[in-house]
Amino acid sequence: MKLDQFLKYQGITLTGGQAKSLIQSGLVAVNGDTETRRGRQLKVGDIVTVEDESFEVQLAPDATP
């Protein structure tokens, strides 16, 4: 999943434009490093931090019954 998609999925931003603006403002870090690329590919276990709140990238629950 890309960083901007992750921010929308987590409900941190409502739109891709908001995600882009937040990322390019330097307010988002991945694994402790400021990230300004909205297309940054995230892996399971990555920690995304926005301001003082952190989110761990996890596997999505299996959608099949």
PDB file of N, CA and C in Angstrom:
ATOM      1  N   MET A   1       0.843  -1.167   0.000  1.00  0.00           N
ATOM      2  CA  MET A   1       0.000   0.000   0.000  1.00  0.00           C
ATOM      3  C   MET A   1       0.897   1.242   0.000  1.00  0.00           C
ATOM      4  N   LYS A   2       0.493   2.238  -0.726  1.00  0.00           N
ATOM      5  CA  LYS A   2       1.252   3.484  -0.781  1.00  0.00           C
ATOM      6  C   LYS A   2       0.903   4.354   0.424  1.00  0.00           C
ATOM      7  N   LEU A   3       1.823   5.235   0.766  1.00  0.00           N
ATOM      8  CA  LEU A   3       1.678   6.067   1.957  1.00  0.00           C
ATOM      9  C   LEU A   3       0.409   6.902   1.921  1.00  0.00           C
ATOM     10  N   ASP A   4       0.125   7.548   0.804  1.00  0.00           N
ATOM     11  CA  ASP A   4      -1.079   8.384   0.759  1.00  0.00           C
ATOM     12  C   ASP A   4      -2.350   7.546   0.919  1.00  0.00           C
ATOM     13  N   GLN A   5      -2.365   6.342   0.367  1.00  0.00           N
ATOM     14  CA  GLN A   5      -3.519   5.450   0.513  1.00  0.00           C
ATOM     15  C   GLN A   5      -3.675   5.013   1.973  1.00  0.00           C
ATOM     16  N   PHE A   6      -2.552   4.764   2.634  1.00  0.00           N
ATOM     17  CA  PHE A   6      -2.579   4.352   4.030  1.00  0.00           C
ATOM     18  C   PHE A   6      -3.182   5.452   4.908  1.00  0.00           C
ATOM     19  N   LEU A   7      -2.814   6.697   4.658  1.00  0.00           N
ATOM     20  CA  LEU A   7      -3.355   7.803   5.447  1.00  0.00           C
ATOM     21  C   LEU A   7      -4.866   7.907   5.283  1.00  0.00           C
ATOM     22  N   LYS A   8      -5.358   7.696   4.066  1.00  0.00           N
ATOM     23  CA  LYS A   8      -6.805   7.707   3.839  1.00  0.00           C
ATOM     24  C   LYS A   8      -7.461   6.499   4.502  1.00  0.00           C
ATOM     25  N   TYR A   9      -6.868   5.320   4.379  1.00  0.00           N
ATOM     26  CA  TYR A   9      -7.404   4.086   4.952  1.00  0.00           C
ATOM     27  C   TYR A   9      -7.527   4.195   6.466  1.00  0.00           C
ATOM     28  N   GLN A  10      -6.553   4.829   7.104  1.00  0.00           N
ATOM     29  CA  GLN A  10      -6.568   4.978   8.562  1.00  0.00           C
ATOM     30  C   GLN A  10      -7.494   6.104   9.020  1.00  0.00           C
ATOM     31  N   GLY A  11      -8.026   6.886   8.084  1.00  0.00           N
ATOM     32  CA  GLY A  11      -8.923   7.981   8.441  1.00  0.00           C
ATOM     33  C   GLY A  11      -8.188   9.228   8.904  1.00  0.00           C
ATOM     34  N   ILE A  12      -6.897   9.278   8.664  1.00  0.00           N
ATOM     35  CA  ILE A  12      -6.104  10.447   9.048  1.00  0.00           C
ATOM     36  C   ILE A  12      -6.443  11.615   8.130  1.00  0.00           C
ATOM     37  N   THR A  13      -6.649  11.320   6.857  1.00  0.00           N
ATOM     38  CA  THR A  13      -7.103  12.318   5.885  1.00  0.00           C
ATOM     39  C   THR A  13      -8.334  11.765   5.184  1.00  0.00           C
ATOM     40  N   LEU A  14      -9.120  12.660   4.629  1.00  0.00           N
ATOM     41  CA  LEU A  14     -10.334  12.238   3.932  1.00  0.00           C
ATOM     42  C   LEU A  14     -10.127  12.099   2.432  1.00  0.00           C
ATOM     43  N   THR A  15      -9.164  12.861   1.908  1.00  0.00           N
ATOM     44  CA  THR A  15      -8.948  12.850   0.459  1.00  0.00           C
ATOM     45  C   THR A  15      -7.469  12.657   0.133  1.00  0.00           C
ATOM     46  N   GLY A  16      -7.211  12.306  -1.097  1.00  0.00           N
ATOM     47  CA  GLY A  16      -5.840  12.169  -1.558  1.00  0.00           C
ATOM     48  C   GLY A  16      -5.115  13.504  -1.539  1.00  0.00           C
ATOM     49  N   GLY A  17      -5.830  14.583  -1.804  1.00  0.00           N
ATOM     50  CA  GLY A  17      -5.227  15.916  -1.773  1.00  0.00           C
ATOM     51  C   GLY A  17      -4.765  16.288  -0.381  1.00  0.00           C
ATOM     52  N   GLN A  18      -5.572  15.952   0.620  1.00  0.00           N
ATOM     53  CA  GLN A  18      -5.174  16.212   2.004  1.00  0.00           C
ATOM     54  C   GLN A  18      -3.948  15.382   2.372  1.00  0.00           C
ATOM     55  N   ALA A  19      -3.935  14.126   1.948  1.00  0.00           N
ATOM     56  CA  ALA A  19      -2.797  13.247   2.236  1.00  0.00           C
ATOM     57  C   ALA A  19      -1.533  13.809   1.597  1.00  0.00           C
ATOM     58  N   LYS A  20      -1.631  14.228   0.345  1.00  0.00           N
ATOM     59  CA  LYS A  20      -0.482  14.787  -0.371  1.00  0.00           C
ATOM     60  C   LYS A  20       0.061  16.012   0.357  1.00  0.00           C
ATOM     61  N   SER A  21      -0.829  16.899   0.760  1.00  0.00           N
ATOM     62  CA  SER A  21      -0.426  18.120   1.447  1.00  0.00           C
ATOM     63  C   SER A  21       0.260  17.815   2.776  1.00  0.00           C
ATOM     64  N   LEU A  22      -0.303  16.882   3.533  1.00  0.00           N
ATOM     65  CA  LEU A  22       0.258  16.498   4.826  1.00  0.00           C
ATOM     66  C   LEU A  22       1.659  15.909   4.656  1.00  0.00           C
ATOM     67  N   ILE A  23       1.799  15.025   3.677  1.00  0.00           N
ATOM     68  CA  ILE A  23       3.084  14.374   3.423  1.00  0.00           C
ATOM     69  C   ILE A  23       4.125  15.397   2.971  1.00  0.00           C
ATOM     70  N   GLN A  24       3.761  16.244   2.015  1.00  0.00           N
ATOM     71  CA  GLN A  24       4.713  17.216   1.483  1.00  0.00           C
ATOM     72  C   GLN A  24       5.073  18.305   2.489  1.00  0.00           C
ATOM     73  N   SER A  25       4.270  18.449   3.536  1.00  0.00           N
ATOM     74  CA  SER A  25       4.565  19.418   4.595  1.00  0.00           C
ATOM     75  C   SER A  25       5.637  18.912   5.545  1.00  0.00           C
ATOM     76  N   GLY A  26       6.028  17.640   5.402  1.00  0.00           N
ATOM     77  CA  GLY A  26       7.050  17.073   6.263  1.00  0.00           C
ATOM     78  C   GLY A  26       6.534  16.627   7.615  1.00  0.00           C
ATOM     79  N   LEU A  27       5.214  16.430   7.718  1.00  0.00           N
ATOM     80  CA  LEU A  27       4.604  16.056   8.990  1.00  0.00           C
ATOM     81  C   LEU A  27       4.415  14.552   9.151  1.00  0.00           C
ATOM     82  N   VAL A  28       4.879  13.775   8.176  1.00  0.00           N
ATOM     83  CA  VAL A  28       4.698  12.326   8.204  1.00  0.00           C
ATOM     84  C   VAL A  28       6.066  11.656   8.224  1.00  0.00           C
ATOM     85  N   ALA A  29       6.197  10.666   9.104  1.00  0.00           N
ATOM     86  CA  ALA A  29       7.449   9.899   9.172  1.00  0.00           C
ATOM     87  C   ALA A  29       7.132   8.423   8.997  1.00  0.00           C
ATOM     88  N   VAL A  30       8.046   7.699   8.376  1.00  0.00           N
ATOM     89  CA  VAL A  30       7.944   6.248   8.241  1.00  0.00           C
ATOM     90  C   VAL A  30       9.179   5.660   8.910  1.00  0.00           C
ATOM     91  N   ASN A  31       8.938   4.833   9.912  1.00  0.00           N
ATOM     92  CA  ASN A  31      10.028   4.213  10.684  1.00  0.00           C
ATOM     93  C   ASN A  31      11.007   5.250  11.227  1.00  0.00           C
ATOM     94  N   GLY A  32      10.461   6.394  11.654  1.00  0.00           N
ATOM     95  CA  GLY A  32      11.268   7.425  12.289  1.00  0.00           C
ATOM     96  C   GLY A  32      11.911   8.430  11.360  1.00  0.00           C
ATOM     97  N   ASP A  33      11.796   8.220  10.051  1.00  0.00           N
ATOM     98  CA  ASP A  33      12.388   9.140   9.077  1.00  0.00           C
ATOM     99  C   ASP A  33      11.295   9.932   8.364  1.00  0.00           C
ATOM    100  N   THR A  34      11.455  11.252   8.293  1.00  0.00           N
ATOM    101  CA  THR A  34      10.483  12.081   7.593  1.00  0.00           C
ATOM    102  C   THR A  34      10.371  11.612   6.151  1.00  0.00           C
ATOM    103  N   GLU A  35       9.132  11.469   5.691  1.00  0.00           N
ATOM    104  CA  GLU A  35       8.878  10.974   4.334  1.00  0.00           C
ATOM    105  C   GLU A  35       8.059  12.011   3.578  1.00  0.00           C
ATOM    106  N   THR A  36       8.552  12.418   2.413  1.00  0.00           N
ATOM    107  CA  THR A  36       7.841  13.416   1.614  1.00  0.00           C
ATOM    108  C   THR A  36       7.335  12.848   0.291  1.00  0.00           C
ATOM    109  N   ARG A  37       7.505  11.537   0.096  1.00  0.00           N
ATOM    110  CA  ARG A  37       7.014  10.900  -1.139  1.00  0.00           C
ATOM    111  C   ARG A  37       5.681  10.236  -0.843  1.00  0.00           C
ATOM    112  N   ARG A  38       4.618  10.730  -1.455  1.00  0.00           N
ATOM    113  CA  ARG A  38       3.303  10.146  -1.179  1.00  0.00           C
ATOM    114  C   ARG A  38       3.168   8.747  -1.749  1.00  0.00           C
ATOM    115  N   GLY A  39       3.988   8.413  -2.734  1.00  0.00           N
ATOM    116  CA  GLY A  39       3.940   7.088  -3.338  1.00  0.00           C
ATOM    117  C   GLY A  39       4.828   6.070  -2.649  1.00  0.00           C
ATOM    118  N   ARG A  40       5.415   6.427  -1.506  1.00  0.00           N
ATOM    119  CA  ARG A  40       6.282   5.498  -0.763  1.00  0.00           C
ATOM    120  C   ARG A  40       5.524   4.204  -0.511  1.00  0.00           C
ATOM    121  N   GLN A  41       6.108   3.104  -0.924  1.00  0.00           N
ATOM    122  CA  GLN A  41       5.482   1.794  -0.733  1.00  0.00           C
ATOM    123  C   GLN A  41       5.733   1.337   0.700  1.00  0.00           C
ATOM    124  N   LEU A  42       4.664   1.012   1.412  1.00  0.00           N
ATOM    125  CA  LEU A  42       4.775   0.554   2.793  1.00  0.00           C
ATOM    126  C   LEU A  42       4.763  -0.959   2.849  1.00  0.00           C
ATOM    127  N   LYS A  43       5.421  -1.504   3.883  1.00  0.00           N
ATOM    128  CA  LYS A  43       5.453  -2.950   4.105  1.00  0.00           C
ATOM    129  C   LYS A  43       4.839  -3.242   5.466  1.00  0.00           C
ATOM    130  N   VAL A  44       4.383  -4.471   5.641  1.00  0.00           N
ATOM    131  CA  VAL A  44       3.863  -4.898   6.936  1.00  0.00           C
ATOM    132  C   VAL A  44       4.953  -4.676   7.981  1.00  0.00           C
ATOM    133  N   GLY A  45       4.574  -4.058   9.090  1.00  0.00           N
ATOM    134  CA  GLY A  45       5.518  -3.788  10.165  1.00  0.00           C
ATOM    135  C   GLY A  45       6.057  -2.371  10.165  1.00  0.00           C
ATOM    136  N   ASP A  46       5.903  -1.632   9.054  1.00  0.00           N
ATOM    137  CA  ASP A  46       6.333  -0.237   9.028  1.00  0.00           C
ATOM    138  C   ASP A  46       5.503   0.556  10.036  1.00  0.00           C
ATOM    139  N   ILE A  47       6.119   1.569  10.625  1.00  0.00           N
ATOM    140  CA  ILE A  47       5.431   2.458  11.560  1.00  0.00           C
ATOM    141  C   ILE A  47       5.320   3.831  10.910  1.00  0.00           C
ATOM    142  N   VAL A  48       4.080   4.284  10.732  1.00  0.00           N
ATOM    143  CA  VAL A  48       3.818   5.601  10.153  1.00  0.00           C
ATOM    144  C   VAL A  48       3.413   6.526  11.297  1.00  0.00           C
ATOM    145  N   THR A  49       4.122   7.645  11.405  1.00  0.00           N
ATOM    146  CA  THR A  49       3.835   8.606  12.474  1.00  0.00           C
ATOM    147  C   THR A  49       3.395   9.923  11.858  1.00  0.00           C
ATOM    148  N   VAL A  50       2.250  10.412  12.358  1.00  0.00           N
ATOM    149  CA  VAL A  50       1.725  11.709  11.947  1.00  0.00           C
ATOM    150  C   VAL A  50       1.583  12.523  13.222  1.00  0.00           C
ATOM    151  N   GLU A  51       2.357  13.603  13.291  1.00  0.00           N
ATOM    152  CA  GLU A  51       2.449  14.409  14.496  1.00  0.00           C
ATOM    153  C   GLU A  51       2.836  13.492  15.656  1.00  0.00           C
ATOM    154  N   ASP A  52       1.996  13.300  16.661  1.00  0.00           N
ATOM    155  CA  ASP A  52       2.373  12.476  17.817  1.00  0.00           C
ATOM    156  C   ASP A  52       1.689  11.113  17.825  1.00  0.00           C
ATOM    157  N   GLU A  53       1.042  10.746  16.747  1.00  0.00           N
ATOM    158  CA  GLU A  53       0.304   9.481  16.691  1.00  0.00           C
ATOM    159  C   GLU A  53       0.966   8.527  15.705  1.00  0.00           C
ATOM    160  N   SER A  54       1.140   7.272  16.139  1.00  0.00           N
ATOM    161  CA  SER A  54       1.793   6.266  15.297  1.00  0.00           C
ATOM    162  C   SER A  54       0.826   5.151  14.929  1.00  0.00           C
ATOM    163  N   PHE A  55       1.029   4.613  13.734  1.00  0.00           N
ATOM    164  CA  PHE A  55       0.186   3.545  13.202  1.00  0.00           C
ATOM    165  C   PHE A  55       1.094   2.481  12.608  1.00  0.00           C
ATOM    166  N   GLU A  56       0.829   1.223  12.937  1.00  0.00           N
ATOM    167  CA  GLU A  56       1.614   0.133  12.369  1.00  0.00           C
ATOM    168  C   GLU A  56       0.894  -0.442  11.160  1.00  0.00           C
ATOM    169  N   VAL A  57       1.638  -0.661  10.093  1.00  0.00           N
ATOM    170  CA  VAL A  57       1.079  -1.265   8.891  1.00  0.00           C
ATOM    171  C   VAL A  57       0.903  -2.751   9.162  1.00  0.00           C
ATOM    172  N   GLN A  58      -0.327  -3.236   9.008  1.00  0.00           N
ATOM    173  CA  GLN A  58      -0.632  -4.634   9.261  1.00  0.00           C
ATOM    174  C   GLN A  58      -1.290  -5.251   8.036  1.00  0.00           C
ATOM    175  N   LEU A  59      -1.317  -6.574   8.007  1.00  0.00           N
ATOM    176  CA  LEU A  59      -2.033  -7.255   6.933  1.00  0.00           C
ATOM    177  C   LEU A  59      -3.510  -6.960   7.047  1.00  0.00           C
ATOM    178  N   ALA A  60      -4.144  -6.760   5.913  1.00  0.00           N
ATOM    179  CA  ALA A  60      -5.592  -6.564   5.921  1.00  0.00           C
ATOM    180  C   ALA A  60      -6.265  -7.882   6.258  1.00  0.00           C
ATOM    181  N   PRO A  61      -7.373  -7.844   6.988  1.00  0.00           N
ATOM    182  CA  PRO A  61      -8.076  -9.091   7.283  1.00  0.00           C
ATOM    183  C   PRO A  61      -8.519  -9.769   5.997  1.00  0.00           C
ATOM    184  N   ASP A  62      -8.507 -11.074   6.001  1.00  0.00           N
ATOM    185  CA  ASP A  62      -8.902 -11.836   4.825  1.00  0.00           C
ATOM    186  C   ASP A  62     -10.364 -11.561   4.499  1.00  0.00           C
ATOM    187  N   ALA A  63     -10.624 -11.144   3.270  1.00  0.00           N
ATOM    188  CA  ALA A  63     -11.979 -10.766   2.874  1.00  0.00           C
ATOM    189  C   ALA A  63     -12.825 -11.961   2.457  1.00  0.00           C
ATOM    190  N   THR A  64     -12.215 -13.127   2.301  1.00  0.00           N
ATOM    191  CA  THR A  64     -12.982 -14.289   1.865  1.00  0.00           C
ATOM    192  C   THR A  64     -13.619 -14.971   3.072  1.00  0.00           C
ATOM    193  N   PRO A  65     -14.844 -15.477   2.917  1.00  0.00           N
ATOM    194  CA  PRO A  65     -15.537 -16.129   4.045  1.00  0.00           C
ATOM    195  C   PRO A  65     -14.926 -17.458   4.416  1.00  0.00           C
TER     196      PRO A  65
END
